Amino acid sequence: MRKLINAPADVVSDALRGLAAAHPELRVDPENGTVVRADAPRGGKVALVSGGGSGHEPLHAGFVGHGMLDAACCGEVFTSPVPDQIIAATMAVDGGAGVLHLVKNYTGDVMNFQLAAELAEDEDIAVTSVIVDDDVAVEDSTFTAGRRGTGATLFAEKIAGALAEEGAALDAVAAVAREVNERSRSFGVALSPCTVPAAGTPTFELGEDEMELGVGIHGEPGRERVKAGTAAEIVDASLSAIDADMPLAGSEVLVLVNGMGGTPLIEQYVAYAAAAEWLDGHGASVVRRLVGPYVTSLEMAGCMISVCRVTPELTRLWDAPVETPGLRWGR
């Protein structure tokens, strides 16, 4: 195992110390694994809190800031944050208008965020939770009951975060997050595995001429293992799976071509070119797009495509100003 780390046990805390040094606009607690907006809590504003296992950067800590999250909780690599982390982050950002928990659908995350929400109620903090479950690859997986939460988490954090920034009430902010989840689907393909530092060995094995269709962001098995294909073939498999579950013809769409952590940007743009051509050929109109490593899986090679069928209001909220370490425009 060759990684740019000091010691496997210190990866998350060391990374958070680096985040703090690079982004003084955030309040980072490396030992307790929380990242909070420097201006939190903001009175009268609904606060957004998300989180999960580390190793998916910039999700979630990299999306803390104006127009997105108010706080993120960082578990150990591929391990859910614990309720103490989540309640600490929730209390740190509560401005009296309630807190929205955005939770990827993984068993540990769902359970721990639920426990934290119950603790928040004891502190008279109104909490609403929205579960993201956009991955169409498999119905149940190693870590979940139901679909996994993946790339649409970014869509929900950005769009709900924009509405919260405008001063909307908790019910409205939660409703738009649910709408984004309902209108979004994702599908990932792995060309290589990743290695969790604490384990020191790859999470799974792939032959030199194989790829995993429908892989999860922790390296969970997908639909099938097949002979490695071209970028156009990978994109066709991904978008065909999405289209079969959520027909795209006639829709205006937001598209994310997401590098999984080990894919060069040049290859991600090759994939986006194929995606744009596929969508145009299948009657979908791409109105917004994003290309880059936004929801990663350590150094896994491959890509995940996420599509949201947007409305004019969702597009407006997507376009609203955002300023975070991992996403910024309009300010």
C-alpha atoms as a PDB file:
ATOM      1  CA  MET A   1       0.000   0.000   0.000  1.00  0.00           C
ATOM      2  CA  ARG A   2       1.510   3.306  -1.138  1.00  0.00           C
ATOM      3  CA  LYS A   3      -0.488   6.326   0.002  1.00  0.00           C
ATOM      4  CA  LEU A   4       0.246   9.934   0.869  1.00  0.00           C
ATOM      5  CA  ILE A   5      -0.469   9.444   4.563  1.00  0.00           C
ATOM      6  CA  ASN A   6       1.369   9.434   7.883  1.00  0.00           C
ATOM      7  CA  ALA A   7      -0.370   6.543   9.636  1.00  0.00           C
ATOM      8  CA  PRO A   8      -3.584   4.693   8.730  1.00  0.00           C
ATOM      9  CA  ALA A   9      -5.204   5.529  12.071  1.00  0.00           C
ATOM     10  CA  ASP A  10      -4.590   9.258  11.584  1.00  0.00           C
ATOM     11  CA  VAL A  11      -5.811   9.726   8.001  1.00  0.00           C
ATOM     12  CA  VAL A  12      -9.111  11.450   8.814  1.00  0.00           C
ATOM     13  CA  SER A  13      -7.808  13.724  11.583  1.00  0.00           C
ATOM     14  CA  ASP A  14      -4.739  14.658   9.514  1.00  0.00           C
ATOM     15  CA  ALA A  15      -6.923  15.447   6.508  1.00  0.00           C
ATOM     16  CA  LEU A  16      -9.225  17.593   8.627  1.00  0.00           C
ATOM     17  CA  ARG A  17      -6.231  19.497   9.974  1.00  0.00           C
ATOM     18  CA  GLY A  18      -5.274  20.169   6.380  1.00  0.00           C
ATOM     19  CA  LEU A  19      -8.799  21.290   5.562  1.00  0.00           C
ATOM     20  CA  ALA A  20      -8.711  23.690   8.511  1.00  0.00           C
ATOM     21  CA  ALA A  21      -5.386  25.156   7.430  1.00  0.00           C
ATOM     22  CA  ALA A  22      -6.476  25.544   3.811  1.00  0.00           C
ATOM     23  CA  HIS A  23      -9.944  26.937   4.581  1.00  0.00           C
ATOM     24  CA  PRO A  24      -9.969  29.280   7.596  1.00  0.00           C
ATOM     25  CA  GLU A  25     -13.540  30.210   6.694  1.00  0.00           C
ATOM     26  CA  LEU A  26     -14.553  26.889   8.294  1.00  0.00           C
ATOM     27  CA  ARG A  27     -14.527  25.783  11.922  1.00  0.00           C
ATOM     28  CA  VAL A  28     -12.948  22.350  11.880  1.00  0.00           C
ATOM     29  CA  ASP A  29     -12.619  20.005  14.844  1.00  0.00           C
ATOM     30  CA  PRO A  30     -10.176  17.309  13.642  1.00  0.00           C
ATOM     31  CA  GLU A  31     -10.407  15.220  16.776  1.00  0.00           C
ATOM     32  CA  ASN A  32     -14.195  15.043  16.826  1.00  0.00           C
ATOM     33  CA  GLY A  33     -14.649  14.977  13.054  1.00  0.00           C
ATOM     34  CA  THR A  34     -16.937  17.956  12.533  1.00  0.00           C
ATOM     35  CA  VAL A  35     -16.788  20.825  10.035  1.00  0.00           C
ATOM     36  CA  VAL A  36     -18.980  23.903  10.561  1.00  0.00           C
ATOM     37  CA  ARG A  37     -19.506  27.177   8.715  1.00  0.00           C
ATOM     38  CA  ALA A  38     -17.618  29.962  10.460  1.00  0.00           C
ATOM     39  CA  ASP A  39     -20.766  32.135  10.550  1.00  0.00           C
ATOM     40  CA  ALA A  40     -22.962  29.432  12.123  1.00  0.00           C
ATOM     41  CA  PRO A  41     -25.391  29.440  13.742  1.00  0.00           C
ATOM     42  CA  ARG A  42     -27.360  31.946  11.688  1.00  0.00           C
ATOM     43  CA  GLY A  43     -30.503  33.095  13.429  1.00  0.00           C
ATOM     44  CA  GLY A  44     -33.715  32.280  11.574  1.00  0.00           C
ATOM     45  CA  LYS A  45     -32.037  30.138   8.897  1.00  0.00           C
ATOM     46  CA  VAL A  46     -32.744  26.439   8.446  1.00  0.00           C
ATOM     47  CA  ALA A  47     -29.434  24.628   8.905  1.00  0.00           C
ATOM     48  CA  LEU A  48     -28.329  21.679   6.766  1.00  0.00           C
ATOM     49  CA  VAL A  49     -26.238  18.888   8.268  1.00  0.00           C
ATOM     50  CA  SER A  50     -24.929  15.886   6.377  1.00  0.00           C
ATOM     51  CA  GLY A  51     -22.082  13.460   6.715  1.00  0.00           C
ATOM     52  CA  GLY A  52     -20.886   9.926   6.341  1.00  0.00           C
ATOM     53  CA  GLY A  53     -17.731   7.924   6.172  1.00  0.00           C
ATOM     54  CA  SER A  54     -14.616   9.700   4.959  1.00  0.00           C
ATOM     55  CA  GLY A  55     -13.008   8.695   1.684  1.00  0.00           C
ATOM     56  CA  HIS A  56     -15.646  10.319  -0.564  1.00  0.00           C
ATOM     57  CA  GLU A  57     -14.141  13.822  -0.617  1.00  0.00           C
ATOM     58  CA  PRO A  58     -15.148  16.511  -1.342  1.00  0.00           C
ATOM     59  CA  LEU A  59     -18.435  14.967  -0.108  1.00  0.00           C
ATOM     60  CA  HIS A  60     -19.374  16.025   2.605  1.00  0.00           C
ATOM     61  CA  ALA A  61     -16.928  18.330   4.362  1.00  0.00           C
ATOM     62  CA  GLY A  62     -15.963  20.019   1.107  1.00  0.00           C
ATOM     63  CA  PHE A  63     -19.550  21.188   0.647  1.00  0.00           C
ATOM     64  CA  VAL A  64     -19.802  23.189   3.869  1.00  0.00           C
ATOM     65  CA  GLY A  65     -20.301  26.884   3.245  1.00  0.00           C
ATOM     66  CA  HIS A  66     -22.603  29.511   1.763  1.00  0.00           C
ATOM     67  CA  GLY A  67     -25.400  27.966  -0.273  1.00  0.00           C
ATOM     68  CA  MET A  68     -24.854  24.365   0.782  1.00  0.00           C
ATOM     69  CA  LEU A  69     -24.230  22.668   4.130  1.00  0.00           C
ATOM     70  CA  ASP A  70     -23.941  24.357   7.495  1.00  0.00           C
ATOM     71  CA  ALA A  71     -22.066  21.389   8.956  1.00  0.00           C
ATOM     72  CA  ALA A  72     -20.673  17.986   8.054  1.00  0.00           C
ATOM     73  CA  CYS A  73     -19.786  15.003  10.221  1.00  0.00           C
ATOM     74  CA  CYS A  74     -16.809  12.923   9.110  1.00  0.00           C
ATOM     75  CA  GLY A  75     -16.668   9.289  10.147  1.00  0.00           C
ATOM     76  CA  GLU A  76     -13.624   7.093   9.751  1.00  0.00           C
ATOM     77  CA  VAL A  77     -12.964   5.910   6.205  1.00  0.00           C
ATOM     78  CA  PHE A  78     -16.119   4.223   4.867  1.00  0.00           C
ATOM     79  CA  THR A  79     -17.588   4.226   8.402  1.00  0.00           C
ATOM     80  CA  SER A  80     -20.626   6.193   9.554  1.00  0.00           C
ATOM     81  CA  PRO A  81     -20.168   9.109  11.940  1.00  0.00           C
ATOM     82  CA  VAL A  82     -21.436   8.348  15.424  1.00  0.00           C
ATOM     83  CA  PRO A  83     -24.480  10.034  17.010  1.00  0.00           C
ATOM     84  CA  ASP A  84     -22.283  12.188  19.272  1.00  0.00           C
ATOM     85  CA  GLN A  85     -20.674  13.768  16.214  1.00  0.00           C
ATOM     86  CA  ILE A  86     -24.011  14.373  14.540  1.00  0.00           C
ATOM     87  CA  ILE A  87     -25.707  15.935  17.572  1.00  0.00           C
ATOM     88  CA  ALA A  88     -22.661  18.150  18.187  1.00  0.00           C
ATOM     89  CA  ALA A  89     -22.820  19.425  14.603  1.00  0.00           C
ATOM     90  CA  THR A  90     -26.605  19.860  14.824  1.00  0.00           C
ATOM     91  CA  MET A  91     -26.403  21.922  18.003  1.00  0.00           C
ATOM     92  CA  ALA A  92     -23.546  24.016  16.591  1.00  0.00           C
ATOM     93  CA  VAL A  93     -25.593  25.203  13.610  1.00  0.00           C
ATOM     94  CA  ASP A  94     -29.144  25.418  14.968  1.00  0.00           C
ATOM     95  CA  GLY A  95     -30.345  28.983  14.516  1.00  0.00           C
ATOM     96  CA  GLY A  96     -33.856  28.424  15.813  1.00  0.00           C
ATOM     97  CA  ALA A  97     -35.497  27.588  12.468  1.00  0.00           C
ATOM     98  CA  GLY A  98     -34.789  23.862  12.584  1.00  0.00           C
ATOM     99  CA  VAL A  99     -32.195  21.546  11.094  1.00  0.00           C
ATOM    100  CA  LEU A 100     -32.387  19.329   8.028  1.00  0.00           C
ATOM    101  CA  HIS A 101     -30.396  16.095   8.127  1.00  0.00           C
ATOM    102  CA  LEU A 102     -29.473  14.876   4.638  1.00  0.00           C
ATOM    103  CA  VAL A 103     -28.600  11.196   4.934  1.00  0.00           C
ATOM    104  CA  LYS A 104     -27.257   8.770   2.336  1.00  0.00           C
ATOM    105  CA  ASN A 105     -29.104   5.466   2.498  1.00  0.00           C
ATOM    106  CA  TYR A 106     -26.580   3.267   4.281  1.00  0.00           C
ATOM    107  CA  THR A 107     -27.663   1.326   7.332  1.00  0.00           C
ATOM    108  CA  GLY A 108     -25.136   2.845   9.749  1.00  0.00           C
ATOM    109  CA  ASP A 109     -25.745   6.395   8.553  1.00  0.00           C
ATOM    110  CA  VAL A 110     -29.529   6.076   8.767  1.00  0.00           C
ATOM    111  CA  MET A 111     -29.407   4.570  12.261  1.00  0.00           C
ATOM    112  CA  ASN A 112     -26.931   7.062  13.681  1.00  0.00           C
ATOM    113  CA  PHE A 113     -28.631  10.113  12.201  1.00  0.00           C
ATOM    114  CA  GLN A 114     -31.953   8.853  13.593  1.00  0.00           C
ATOM    115  CA  LEU A 115     -30.448   8.528  17.062  1.00  0.00           C
ATOM    116  CA  ALA A 116     -28.977  12.014  16.769  1.00  0.00           C
ATOM    117  CA  ALA A 117     -32.348  13.446  15.698  1.00  0.00           C
ATOM    118  CA  GLU A 118     -33.928  11.936  18.815  1.00  0.00           C
ATOM    119  CA  LEU A 119     -31.225  13.534  20.960  1.00  0.00           C
ATOM    120  CA  ALA A 120     -31.861  16.858  19.219  1.00  0.00           C
ATOM    121  CA  GLU A 121     -35.537  16.680  20.122  1.00  0.00           C
ATOM    122  CA  ASP A 122     -34.504  16.421  23.765  1.00  0.00           C
ATOM    123  CA  GLU A 123     -32.699  19.746  23.235  1.00  0.00           C
ATOM    124  CA  ASP A 124     -35.838  21.293  21.667  1.00  0.00           C
ATOM    125  CA  ILE A 125     -34.236  21.382  18.204  1.00  0.00           C
ATOM    126  CA  ALA A 126     -36.634  20.613  15.352  1.00  0.00           C
ATOM    127  CA  VAL A 127     -34.998  18.088  13.009  1.00  0.00           C
ATOM    128  CA  THR A 128     -36.297  16.693   9.735  1.00  0.00           C
ATOM    129  CA  SER A 129     -34.419  13.940   7.911  1.00  0.00           C
ATOM    130  CA  VAL A 130     -34.349  13.242   4.179  1.00  0.00           C
ATOM    131  CA  ILE A 131     -32.873   9.969   2.929  1.00  0.00           C
ATOM    132  CA  VAL A 132     -31.062   9.968  -0.425  1.00  0.00           C
ATOM    133  CA  ASP A 133     -31.371   6.676  -2.351  1.00  0.00           C
ATOM    134  CA  ASP A 134     -30.651   7.391  -5.999  1.00  0.00           C
ATOM    135  CA  ASP A 135     -28.488   4.429  -7.100  1.00  0.00           C
ATOM    136  CA  VAL A 136     -30.413   2.267  -9.580  1.00  0.00           C
ATOM    137  CA  ALA A 137     -27.756  -0.456  -9.805  1.00  0.00           C
ATOM    138  CA  VAL A 138     -29.065  -2.729  -7.053  1.00  0.00           C
ATOM    139  CA  GLU A 139     -32.090  -2.768  -4.751  1.00  0.00           C
ATOM    140  CA  ASP A 140     -30.261  -4.043  -1.658  1.00  0.00           C
ATOM    141  CA  SER A 141     -26.517  -4.142  -1.024  1.00  0.00           C
ATOM    142  CA  THR A 142     -23.882  -4.989   1.530  1.00  0.00           C
ATOM    143  CA  PHE A 143     -24.530  -1.772   3.447  1.00  0.00           C
ATOM    144  CA  THR A 144     -28.180  -0.976   2.733  1.00  0.00           C
ATOM    145  CA  ALA A 145     -31.791  -1.984   2.769  1.00  0.00           C
ATOM    146  CA  GLY A 146     -33.033  -0.425  -0.438  1.00  0.00           C
ATOM    147  CA  ARG A 147     -31.097   1.670  -2.874  1.00  0.00           C
ATOM    148  CA  ARG A 148     -27.777   3.251  -2.023  1.00  0.00           C
ATOM    149  CA  GLY A 149     -27.319   7.002  -1.694  1.00  0.00           C
ATOM    150  CA  THR A 150     -24.678   8.349  -4.089  1.00  0.00           C
ATOM    151  CA  GLY A 151     -24.284  11.265  -6.508  1.00  0.00           C
ATOM    152  CA  ALA A 152     -27.719  12.801  -5.968  1.00  0.00           C
ATOM    153  CA  THR A 153     -26.543  13.710  -2.479  1.00  0.00           C
ATOM    154  CA  LEU A 154     -24.613  16.563  -4.065  1.00  0.00           C
ATOM    155  CA  PHE A 155     -27.733  17.696  -5.950  1.00  0.00           C
ATOM    156  CA  ALA A 156     -29.819  17.670  -2.761  1.00  0.00           C
ATOM    157  CA  GLU A 157     -27.199  19.491  -0.689  1.00  0.00           C
ATOM    158  CA  LYS A 158     -26.803  22.221  -3.323  1.00  0.00           C
ATOM    159  CA  ILE A 159     -30.468  22.783  -4.160  1.00  0.00           C
ATOM    160  CA  ALA A 160     -31.840  22.491  -0.618  1.00  0.00           C
ATOM    161  CA  GLY A 161     -28.933  24.595   0.618  1.00  0.00           C
ATOM    162  CA  ALA A 162     -29.852  27.357  -1.810  1.00  0.00           C
ATOM    163  CA  LEU A 163     -33.454  27.401  -0.657  1.00  0.00           C
ATOM    164  CA  ALA A 164     -32.381  27.489   2.994  1.00  0.00           C
ATOM    165  CA  GLU A 165     -30.065  30.398   2.197  1.00  0.00           C
ATOM    166  CA  GLU A 166     -33.121  32.299   0.925  1.00  0.00           C
ATOM    167  CA  GLY A 167     -34.840  31.889   4.298  1.00  0.00           C
ATOM    168  CA  ALA A 168     -37.373  29.174   3.470  1.00  0.00           C
ATOM    169  CA  ALA A 169     -38.994  27.196   6.283  1.00  0.00           C
ATOM    170  CA  LEU A 170     -37.845  23.723   7.329  1.00  0.00           C
ATOM    171  CA  ASP A 171     -40.796  21.946   5.681  1.00  0.00           C
ATOM    172  CA  ALA A 172     -40.086  23.645   2.350  1.00  0.00           C
ATOM    173  CA  VAL A 173     -36.369  22.923   2.464  1.00  0.00           C
ATOM    174  CA  ALA A 174     -37.031  19.262   3.282  1.00  0.00           C
ATOM    175  CA  ALA A 175     -39.637  19.053   0.522  1.00  0.00           C
ATOM    176  CA  VAL A 176     -37.248  20.296  -2.149  1.00  0.00           C
ATOM    177  CA  ALA A 177     -34.575  17.841  -0.984  1.00  0.00           C
ATOM    178  CA  ARG A 178     -37.091  15.003  -1.311  1.00  0.00           C
ATOM    179  CA  GLU A 179     -38.114  16.263  -4.747  1.00  0.00           C
ATOM    180  CA  VAL A 180     -34.497  16.259  -5.907  1.00  0.00           C
ATOM    181  CA  ASN A 181     -34.025  12.712  -4.661  1.00  0.00           C
ATOM    182  CA  GLU A 182     -37.215  11.525  -6.365  1.00  0.00           C
ATOM    183  CA  ARG A 183     -36.137  13.100  -9.659  1.00  0.00           C
ATOM    184  CA  SER A 184     -32.535  11.790  -9.575  1.00  0.00           C
ATOM    185  CA  ARG A 185     -30.853   8.507 -10.486  1.00  0.00           C
ATOM    186  CA  SER A 186     -27.217   7.325 -10.514  1.00  0.00           C
ATOM    187  CA  PHE A 187     -25.146   4.424 -11.814  1.00  0.00           C
ATOM    188  CA  GLY A 188     -21.443   3.739 -11.264  1.00  0.00           C
ATOM    189  CA  VAL A 189     -18.791   1.657 -12.994  1.00  0.00           C
ATOM    190  CA  ALA A 190     -15.454   0.622 -11.480  1.00  0.00           C
ATOM    191  CA  LEU A 191     -12.309  -0.005 -13.514  1.00  0.00           C
ATOM    192  CA  SER A 192     -10.187  -0.680 -10.435  1.00  0.00           C
ATOM    193  CA  PRO A 193     -10.740  -1.189  -6.692  1.00  0.00           C
ATOM    194  CA  CYS A 194      -9.644   1.107  -3.879  1.00  0.00           C
ATOM    195  CA  THR A 195      -7.718   0.382  -0.696  1.00  0.00           C
ATOM    196  CA  VAL A 196      -8.951   1.480   2.719  1.00  0.00           C
ATOM    197  CA  PRO A 197      -5.844   2.618   4.662  1.00  0.00           C
ATOM    198  CA  ALA A 198      -6.728   0.675   7.796  1.00  0.00           C
ATOM    199  CA  ALA A 199      -7.163  -2.536   5.790  1.00  0.00           C
ATOM    200  CA  GLY A 200      -4.127  -2.159   3.531  1.00  0.00           C
ATOM    201  CA  THR A 201      -5.565  -4.377   0.793  1.00  0.00           C
ATOM    202  CA  PRO A 202      -7.984  -3.667  -2.090  1.00  0.00           C
ATOM    203  CA  THR A 203     -11.676  -3.783  -1.260  1.00  0.00           C
ATOM    204  CA  PHE A 204     -12.260  -6.219  -4.141  1.00  0.00           C
ATOM    205  CA  GLU A 205     -10.397  -7.731  -7.075  1.00  0.00           C
ATOM    206  CA  LEU A 206     -10.848  -7.071 -10.768  1.00  0.00           C
ATOM    207  CA  GLY A 207      -9.096  -8.847 -13.594  1.00  0.00           C
ATOM    208  CA  GLU A 208      -7.035  -6.724 -15.961  1.00  0.00           C
ATOM    209  CA  ASP A 209      -9.787  -6.937 -18.591  1.00  0.00           C
ATOM    210  CA  GLU A 210     -12.780  -6.606 -16.247  1.00  0.00           C
ATOM    211  CA  MET A 211     -15.040  -3.834 -14.951  1.00  0.00           C
ATOM    212  CA  GLU A 212     -17.788  -3.814 -12.314  1.00  0.00           C
ATOM    213  CA  LEU A 213     -21.115  -2.464 -13.576  1.00  0.00           C
ATOM    214  CA  GLY A 214     -23.161  -0.785 -10.853  1.00  0.00           C
ATOM    215  CA  VAL A 215     -20.430  -0.591  -8.225  1.00  0.00           C
ATOM    216  CA  GLY A 216     -21.151   1.181  -4.923  1.00  0.00           C
ATOM    217  CA  ILE A 217     -19.045   4.017  -3.548  1.00  0.00           C
ATOM    218  CA  HIS A 218     -17.558   1.715  -0.915  1.00  0.00           C
ATOM    219  CA  GLY A 219     -16.663  -0.921  -3.482  1.00  0.00           C
ATOM    220  CA  GLU A 220     -19.877  -2.886  -2.967  1.00  0.00           C
ATOM    221  CA  PRO A 221     -20.732  -5.355  -5.734  1.00  0.00           C
ATOM    222  CA  GLY A 222     -22.820  -4.088  -8.605  1.00  0.00           C
ATOM    223  CA  ARG A 223     -25.052  -5.787 -11.156  1.00  0.00           C
ATOM    224  CA  GLU A 224     -22.407  -7.778 -12.979  1.00  0.00           C
ATOM    225  CA  ARG A 225     -18.742  -8.071 -13.801  1.00  0.00           C
ATOM    226  CA  VAL A 226     -18.042  -7.846 -17.523  1.00  0.00           C
ATOM    227  CA  LYS A 227     -15.215  -7.395 -19.966  1.00  0.00           C
ATOM    228  CA  ALA A 228     -13.855  -3.844 -19.851  1.00  0.00           C
ATOM    229  CA  GLY A 229     -15.356  -1.608 -22.518  1.00  0.00           C
ATOM    230  CA  THR A 230     -14.877   1.777 -24.113  1.00  0.00           C
ATOM    231  CA  ALA A 231     -16.022   5.040 -22.555  1.00  0.00           C
ATOM    232  CA  ALA A 232     -19.003   5.074 -24.918  1.00  0.00           C
ATOM    233  CA  GLU A 233     -19.976   1.544 -23.869  1.00  0.00           C
ATOM    234  CA  ILE A 234     -19.650   2.402 -20.164  1.00  0.00           C
ATOM    235  CA  VAL A 235     -21.770   5.519 -20.579  1.00  0.00           C
ATOM    236  CA  ASP A 236     -24.375   3.616 -22.590  1.00  0.00           C
ATOM    237  CA  ALA A 237     -24.644   0.956 -19.884  1.00  0.00           C
ATOM    238  CA  SER A 238     -24.953   3.611 -17.169  1.00  0.00           C
ATOM    239  CA  LEU A 239     -27.501   5.849 -18.869  1.00  0.00           C
ATOM    240  CA  SER A 240     -29.518   2.912 -20.183  1.00  0.00           C
ATOM    241  CA  ALA A 241     -29.886   1.671 -16.592  1.00  0.00           C
ATOM    242  CA  ILE A 242     -30.960   5.136 -15.437  1.00  0.00           C
ATOM    243  CA  ASP A 243     -33.355   5.578 -18.360  1.00  0.00           C
ATOM    244  CA  ALA A 244     -34.960   2.188 -17.736  1.00  0.00           C
ATOM    245  CA  ASP A 245     -35.801   3.276 -14.188  1.00  0.00           C
ATOM    246  CA  MET A 246     -36.591   6.950 -14.874  1.00  0.00           C
ATOM    247  CA  PRO A 247     -37.365   7.712 -18.530  1.00  0.00           C
ATOM    248  CA  LEU A 248     -35.400  10.740 -19.697  1.00  0.00           C
ATOM    249  CA  ALA A 249     -36.967  11.528 -23.076  1.00  0.00           C
ATOM    250  CA  GLY A 250     -38.557  14.954 -23.121  1.00  0.00           C
ATOM    251  CA  SER A 251     -36.900  16.031 -19.866  1.00  0.00           C
ATOM    252  CA  GLU A 252     -34.560  18.879 -19.057  1.00  0.00           C
ATOM    253  CA  VAL A 253     -31.728  17.354 -17.052  1.00  0.00           C
ATOM    254  CA  LEU A 254     -28.842  18.196 -14.783  1.00  0.00           C
ATOM    255  CA  VAL A 255     -25.989  15.754 -15.382  1.00  0.00           C
ATOM    256  CA  LEU A 256     -23.025  14.881 -13.177  1.00  0.00           C
ATOM    257  CA  VAL A 257     -20.179  12.836 -14.639  1.00  0.00           C
ATOM    258  CA  ASN A 258     -18.325  12.010 -11.478  1.00  0.00           C
ATOM    259  CA  GLY A 259     -14.788  10.672 -11.250  1.00  0.00           C
ATOM    260  CA  MET A 260     -14.509   8.010  -8.558  1.00  0.00           C
ATOM    261  CA  GLY A 261     -11.165   9.293  -7.287  1.00  0.00           C
ATOM    262  CA  GLY A 262      -8.600   7.668  -9.559  1.00  0.00           C
ATOM    263  CA  THR A 263      -9.860   8.735 -12.974  1.00  0.00           C
ATOM    264  CA  PRO A 264      -7.951  11.534 -14.766  1.00  0.00           C
ATOM    265  CA  LEU A 265     -10.038  14.541 -15.706  1.00  0.00           C
ATOM    266  CA  ILE A 266      -9.267  14.005 -19.399  1.00  0.00           C
ATOM    267  CA  GLU A 267     -11.059  10.645 -19.193  1.00  0.00           C
ATOM    268  CA  GLN A 268     -13.987  12.182 -17.349  1.00  0.00           C
ATOM    269  CA  TYR A 269     -14.452  14.626 -20.227  1.00  0.00           C
ATOM    270  CA  VAL A 270     -14.302  11.729 -22.692  1.00  0.00           C
ATOM    271  CA  ALA A 271     -17.139  10.170 -20.680  1.00  0.00           C
ATOM    272  CA  TYR A 272     -19.079  13.447 -20.606  1.00  0.00           C
ATOM    273  CA  ALA A 273     -18.828  13.779 -24.390  1.00  0.00           C
ATOM    274  CA  ALA A 274     -20.358  10.323 -24.715  1.00  0.00           C
ATOM    275  CA  ALA A 275     -23.031  11.182 -22.138  1.00  0.00           C
ATOM    276  CA  ALA A 276     -24.011  14.406 -23.896  1.00  0.00           C
ATOM    277  CA  GLU A 277     -24.318  12.569 -27.206  1.00  0.00           C
ATOM    278  CA  TRP A 278     -26.347   9.744 -25.627  1.00  0.00           C
ATOM    279  CA  LEU A 279     -28.770  12.107 -23.915  1.00  0.00           C
ATOM    280  CA  ASP A 280     -29.263  14.200 -27.034  1.00  0.00           C
ATOM    281  CA  GLY A 281     -29.912  11.049 -29.037  1.00  0.00           C
ATOM    282  CA  HIS A 282     -32.501   9.855 -26.525  1.00  0.00           C
ATOM    283  CA  GLY A 283     -34.534  13.054 -26.401  1.00  0.00           C
ATOM    284  CA  ALA A 284     -33.226  14.621 -23.195  1.00  0.00           C
ATOM    285  CA  SER A 285     -32.107  18.243 -23.031  1.00  0.00           C
ATOM    286  CA  VAL A 286     -29.036  18.900 -20.868  1.00  0.00           C
ATOM    287  CA  VAL A 287     -29.515  22.291 -19.246  1.00  0.00           C
ATOM    288  CA  ARG A 288     -26.839  22.034 -16.550  1.00  0.00           C
ATOM    289  CA  ARG A 289     -23.778  19.838 -16.229  1.00  0.00           C
ATOM    290  CA  LEU A 290     -20.910  19.130 -13.843  1.00  0.00           C
ATOM    291  CA  VAL A 291     -17.764  17.104 -14.515  1.00  0.00           C
ATOM    292  CA  GLY A 292     -15.198  16.161 -11.891  1.00  0.00           C
ATOM    293  CA  PRO A 293     -14.392  14.087  -8.808  1.00  0.00           C
ATOM    294  CA  TYR A 294     -17.173  15.159  -6.446  1.00  0.00           C
ATOM    295  CA  VAL A 295     -18.376  11.912  -4.829  1.00  0.00           C
ATOM    296  CA  THR A 296     -15.308   9.712  -4.754  1.00  0.00           C
ATOM    297  CA  SER A 297     -14.234   6.336  -3.457  1.00  0.00           C
ATOM    298  CA  LEU A 298     -10.601   6.919  -2.435  1.00  0.00           C
ATOM    299  CA  GLU A 299      -8.494   6.039  -5.508  1.00  0.00           C
ATOM    300  CA  MET A 300     -11.037   3.901  -7.363  1.00  0.00           C
ATOM    301  CA  ALA A 301     -10.889   4.302 -11.141  1.00  0.00           C
ATOM    302  CA  GLY A 302     -14.136   4.557 -13.060  1.00  0.00           C
ATOM    303  CA  CYS A 303     -17.056   6.951 -13.137  1.00  0.00           C
ATOM    304  CA  MET A 304     -20.554   7.444 -11.843  1.00  0.00           C
ATOM    305  CA  ILE A 305     -23.221   9.262 -13.813  1.00  0.00           C
ATOM    306  CA  SER A 306     -26.029  11.031 -11.958  1.00  0.00           C
ATOM    307  CA  VAL A 307     -29.024  12.624 -13.667  1.00  0.00           C
ATOM    308  CA  CYS A 308     -31.713  14.872 -12.205  1.00  0.00           C
ATOM    309  CA  ARG A 309     -34.838  15.775 -14.172  1.00  0.00           C
ATOM    310  CA  VAL A 310     -34.995  19.433 -13.245  1.00  0.00           C
ATOM    311  CA  THR A 311     -37.813  21.959 -13.179  1.00  0.00           C
ATOM    312  CA  PRO A 312     -37.310  25.709 -13.705  1.00  0.00           C
ATOM    313  CA  GLU A 313     -37.317  26.173  -9.916  1.00  0.00           C
ATOM    314  CA  LEU A 314     -34.751  23.434  -9.323  1.00  0.00           C
ATOM    315  CA  THR A 315     -32.542  24.919 -12.038  1.00  0.00           C
ATOM    316  CA  ARG A 316     -32.833  28.359 -10.435  1.00  0.00           C
ATOM    317  CA  LEU A 317     -31.761  26.944  -7.086  1.00  0.00           C
ATOM    318  CA  TRP A 318     -28.890  25.020  -8.697  1.00  0.00           C
ATOM    319  CA  ASP A 319     -27.686  28.289 -10.240  1.00  0.00           C
ATOM    320  CA  ALA A 320     -27.843  30.195  -6.938  1.00  0.00           C
ATOM    321  CA  PRO A 321     -24.493  31.353  -5.498  1.00  0.00           C
ATOM    322  CA  VAL A 322     -22.431  28.780  -3.636  1.00  0.00           C
ATOM    323  CA  GLU A 323     -19.070  29.097  -1.911  1.00  0.00           C
ATOM    324  CA  THR A 324     -17.555  25.942  -0.449  1.00  0.00           C
ATOM    325  CA  PRO A 325     -14.143  24.275  -0.789  1.00  0.00           C
ATOM    326  CA  GLY A 326     -15.525  21.791  -3.313  1.00  0.00           C
ATOM    327  CA  LEU A 327     -18.123  23.815  -5.242  1.00  0.00           C
ATOM    328  CA  ARG A 328     -18.303  27.534  -5.874  1.00  0.00           C
ATOM    329  CA  TRP A 329     -19.883  29.940  -8.323  1.00  0.00           C
ATOM    330  CA  GLY A 330     -21.865  33.179  -8.404  1.00  0.00           C
ATOM    331  CA  ARG A 331     -20.203  35.069  -5.528  1.00  0.00           C
END
